[in-house]
Amino acid sequence: MTDFLPKDVQEGLDAARKRDLRRRSRLRVLAGEEVYPILRFWGTGFALDADQVQHIRGLVDIYDGTRHLYQSLIIASAVEAGELICTMKRSTAAHDAPPLDYVRDEDAPVGYLPRA
């Protein structure tokens, strides 16, 4: 078996792989006003399609569909094998409500009824 493929066949396979990754992934990165699909995601970074964006840096938001997952600080990005590899310095989980500065009692009532 040979490991060599003609250039046009290899480009077609790469394009099909990127299209499949883009279609399967619901993860998106919001950088300023631009939104890019995330091809791969791991604990310290993620990969974007290098055909869509060549360089990205700074504070970005990561979404799963419409749900805000993380706010991340990208310190480095480099193009490798058609993917823009972004390295995160920090990634903070997004919350729906502000953090409480007290302990909420489990048996506390949800609300109070007014007196008639």
C-alpha atoms as a PDB file:
ATOM      1  CA  MET A   1       0.000   0.000   0.000  1.00  0.00           C
ATOM      2  CA  THR A   2       1.355   3.403  -0.896  1.00  0.00           C
ATOM      3  CA  ASP A   3       1.036   6.529   1.247  1.00  0.00           C
ATOM      4  CA  PHE A   4       1.254   8.927  -1.684  1.00  0.00           C
ATOM      5  CA  LEU A   5      -1.880  10.502  -3.088  1.00  0.00           C
ATOM      6  CA  PRO A   6      -2.108  12.949  -5.967  1.00  0.00           C
ATOM      7  CA  LYS A   7      -2.302  16.578  -4.861  1.00  0.00           C
ATOM      8  CA  ASP A   8      -5.886  17.156  -6.057  1.00  0.00           C
ATOM      9  CA  VAL A   9      -7.128  13.984  -4.318  1.00  0.00           C
ATOM     10  CA  GLN A  10      -5.396  15.002  -1.066  1.00  0.00           C
ATOM     11  CA  GLU A  11      -6.913  18.505  -1.270  1.00  0.00           C
ATOM     12  CA  GLY A  12     -10.354  16.999  -1.849  1.00  0.00           C
ATOM     13  CA  LEU A  13      -9.991  14.700   1.151  1.00  0.00           C
ATOM     14  CA  ASP A  14      -8.820  17.603   3.342  1.00  0.00           C
ATOM     15  CA  ALA A  15     -11.741  19.779   2.232  1.00  0.00           C
ATOM     16  CA  ALA A  16     -14.214  16.958   2.943  1.00  0.00           C
ATOM     17  CA  ARG A  17     -12.691  16.397   6.396  1.00  0.00           C
ATOM     18  CA  LYS A  18     -12.956  20.123   7.255  1.00  0.00           C
ATOM     19  CA  ARG A  19     -16.530  20.278   5.982  1.00  0.00           C
ATOM     20  CA  ASP A  20     -17.455  17.239   8.092  1.00  0.00           C
ATOM     21  CA  LEU A  21     -15.807  18.682  11.228  1.00  0.00           C
ATOM     22  CA  ARG A  22     -17.518  22.039  10.685  1.00  0.00           C
ATOM     23  CA  ARG A  23     -20.910  20.374  10.224  1.00  0.00           C
ATOM     24  CA  ARG A  24     -20.605  18.115  13.301  1.00  0.00           C
ATOM     25  CA  SER A  25     -19.288  20.753  15.692  1.00  0.00           C
ATOM     26  CA  ARG A  26     -21.725  23.102  17.407  1.00  0.00           C
ATOM     27  CA  LEU A  27     -18.872  25.003  19.065  1.00  0.00           C
ATOM     28  CA  ARG A  28     -18.288  28.557  17.864  1.00  0.00           C
ATOM     29  CA  VAL A  29     -15.856  31.294  18.830  1.00  0.00           C
ATOM     30  CA  LEU A  30     -16.946  34.935  18.892  1.00  0.00           C
ATOM     31  CA  ALA A  31     -14.042  37.327  18.341  1.00  0.00           C
ATOM     32  CA  GLY A  32     -15.295  40.907  18.240  1.00  0.00           C
ATOM     33  CA  GLU A  33     -18.138  40.830  15.711  1.00  0.00           C
ATOM     34  CA  GLU A  34     -16.874  37.745  13.826  1.00  0.00           C
ATOM     35  CA  VAL A  35     -18.077  34.169  14.505  1.00  0.00           C
ATOM     36  CA  TYR A  36     -15.973  31.152  13.473  1.00  0.00           C
ATOM     37  CA  PRO A  37     -16.780  27.428  13.844  1.00  0.00           C
ATOM     38  CA  ILE A  38     -14.378  25.444  16.047  1.00  0.00           C
ATOM     39  CA  LEU A  39     -13.101  22.307  14.334  1.00  0.00           C
ATOM     40  CA  ARG A  40     -11.445  20.734  17.405  1.00  0.00           C
ATOM     41  CA  PHE A  41     -11.400  21.729  21.092  1.00  0.00           C
ATOM     42  CA  TRP A  42      -9.151  20.560  23.953  1.00  0.00           C
ATOM     43  CA  GLY A  43      -8.313  21.819  27.445  1.00  0.00           C
ATOM     44  CA  THR A  44      -5.646  24.356  26.465  1.00  0.00           C
ATOM     45  CA  GLY A  45      -6.815  25.438  23.030  1.00  0.00           C
ATOM     46  CA  PHE A  46      -8.840  24.870  19.902  1.00  0.00           C
ATOM     47  CA  ALA A  47      -8.476  24.695  16.123  1.00  0.00           C
ATOM     48  CA  LEU A  48     -10.183  26.879  13.510  1.00  0.00           C
ATOM     49  CA  ASP A  49     -10.255  26.631   9.727  1.00  0.00           C
ATOM     50  CA  ALA A  50      -7.227  28.573   8.423  1.00  0.00           C
ATOM     51  CA  ASP A  51      -9.134  29.414   5.221  1.00  0.00           C
ATOM     52  CA  GLN A  52     -11.587  31.529   7.252  1.00  0.00           C
ATOM     53  CA  VAL A  53      -9.190  33.286   9.647  1.00  0.00           C
ATOM     54  CA  GLN A  54      -5.402  33.683   9.531  1.00  0.00           C
ATOM     55  CA  HIS A  55      -4.710  35.161  12.980  1.00  0.00           C
ATOM     56  CA  ILE A  56      -6.689  35.650  16.179  1.00  0.00           C
ATOM     57  CA  ARG A  57      -5.621  36.986  19.576  1.00  0.00           C
ATOM     58  CA  GLY A  58      -7.138  38.461  22.697  1.00  0.00           C
ATOM     59  CA  LEU A  59     -10.360  37.903  24.610  1.00  0.00           C
ATOM     60  CA  VAL A  60     -12.941  35.679  22.879  1.00  0.00           C
ATOM     61  CA  ASP A  61     -16.205  33.980  23.853  1.00  0.00           C
ATOM     62  CA  ILE A  62     -16.861  30.293  23.152  1.00  0.00           C
ATOM     63  CA  TYR A  63     -20.422  29.109  22.526  1.00  0.00           C
ATOM     64  CA  ASP A  64     -22.095  25.723  22.136  1.00  0.00           C
ATOM     65  CA  GLY A  65     -24.969  26.658  19.872  1.00  0.00           C
ATOM     66  CA  THR A  66     -26.525  29.597  21.745  1.00  0.00           C
ATOM     67  CA  ARG A  67     -25.209  28.628  25.201  1.00  0.00           C
ATOM     68  CA  HIS A  68     -22.223  30.672  26.398  1.00  0.00           C
ATOM     69  CA  LEU A  69     -19.587  28.228  27.701  1.00  0.00           C
ATOM     70  CA  TYR A  70     -16.301  30.091  28.251  1.00  0.00           C
ATOM     71  CA  GLN A  71     -14.585  33.422  28.063  1.00  0.00           C
ATOM     72  CA  SER A  72     -11.006  32.753  26.982  1.00  0.00           C
ATOM     73  CA  LEU A  73      -7.806  34.695  26.482  1.00  0.00           C
ATOM     74  CA  ILE A  74      -5.867  33.584  23.389  1.00  0.00           C
ATOM     75  CA  ILE A  75      -2.135  34.246  23.635  1.00  0.00           C
ATOM     76  CA  ALA A  76      -0.873  32.506  20.510  1.00  0.00           C
ATOM     77  CA  SER A  77      -2.157  31.259  17.182  1.00  0.00           C
ATOM     78  CA  ALA A  78      -0.307  29.483  14.403  1.00  0.00           C
ATOM     79  CA  VAL A  79      -1.320  27.800  11.149  1.00  0.00           C
ATOM     80  CA  GLU A  80      -0.566  24.069  10.978  1.00  0.00           C
ATOM     81  CA  ALA A  81      -1.880  21.707   8.285  1.00  0.00           C
ATOM     82  CA  GLY A  82      -4.680  24.039   7.201  1.00  0.00           C
ATOM     83  CA  GLU A  83      -5.869  24.689  10.760  1.00  0.00           C
ATOM     84  CA  LEU A  84      -5.335  27.760  12.921  1.00  0.00           C
ATOM     85  CA  ILE A  85      -4.207  26.388  16.297  1.00  0.00           C
ATOM     86  CA  CYS A  86      -5.157  28.783  19.118  1.00  0.00           C
ATOM     87  CA  THR A  87      -3.550  28.448  22.562  1.00  0.00           C
ATOM     88  CA  MET A  88      -5.485  29.762  25.549  1.00  0.00           C
ATOM     89  CA  LYS A  89      -3.813  31.407  28.544  1.00  0.00           C
ATOM     90  CA  ARG A  90      -6.998  31.193  30.591  1.00  0.00           C
ATOM     91  CA  SER A  91     -10.504  29.934  30.103  1.00  0.00           C
ATOM     92  CA  THR A  92     -13.231  30.989  32.534  1.00  0.00           C
ATOM     93  CA  ALA A  93     -16.555  29.173  32.623  1.00  0.00           C
ATOM     94  CA  ALA A  94     -19.570  31.400  31.994  1.00  0.00           C
ATOM     95  CA  HIS A  95     -22.422  31.342  34.541  1.00  0.00           C
ATOM     96  CA  ASP A  96     -26.124  32.132  34.146  1.00  0.00           C
ATOM     97  CA  ALA A  97     -26.361  34.074  37.417  1.00  0.00           C
ATOM     98  CA  PRO A  98     -23.894  36.166  39.416  1.00  0.00           C
ATOM     99  CA  PRO A  99     -22.046  34.319  42.206  1.00  0.00           C
ATOM    100  CA  LEU A 100     -23.557  34.525  45.689  1.00  0.00           C
ATOM    101  CA  ASP A 101     -21.580  35.966  48.600  1.00  0.00           C
ATOM    102  CA  TYR A 102     -23.538  33.920  51.157  1.00  0.00           C
ATOM    103  CA  VAL A 103     -24.667  30.330  51.648  1.00  0.00           C
ATOM    104  CA  ARG A 104     -28.243  29.762  50.506  1.00  0.00           C
ATOM    105  CA  ASP A 105     -30.253  27.496  52.829  1.00  0.00           C
ATOM    106  CA  GLU A 106     -31.676  24.449  51.024  1.00  0.00           C
ATOM    107  CA  ASP A 107     -34.987  24.706  52.923  1.00  0.00           C
ATOM    108  CA  ALA A 108     -35.456  28.432  52.276  1.00  0.00           C
ATOM    109  CA  PRO A 109     -38.697  29.416  50.547  1.00  0.00           C
ATOM    110  CA  VAL A 110     -38.515  30.404  46.902  1.00  0.00           C
ATOM    111  CA  GLY A 111     -40.713  33.443  47.446  1.00  0.00           C
ATOM    112  CA  TYR A 112     -43.032  35.066  49.949  1.00  0.00           C
ATOM    113  CA  LEU A 113     -46.785  35.649  49.561  1.00  0.00           C
ATOM    114  CA  PRO A 114     -48.038  39.148  50.417  1.00  0.00           C
ATOM    115  CA  ARG A 115     -50.475  39.601  53.296  1.00  0.00           C
ATOM    116  CA  ALA A 116     -54.037  40.282  52.273  1.00  0.00           C
END
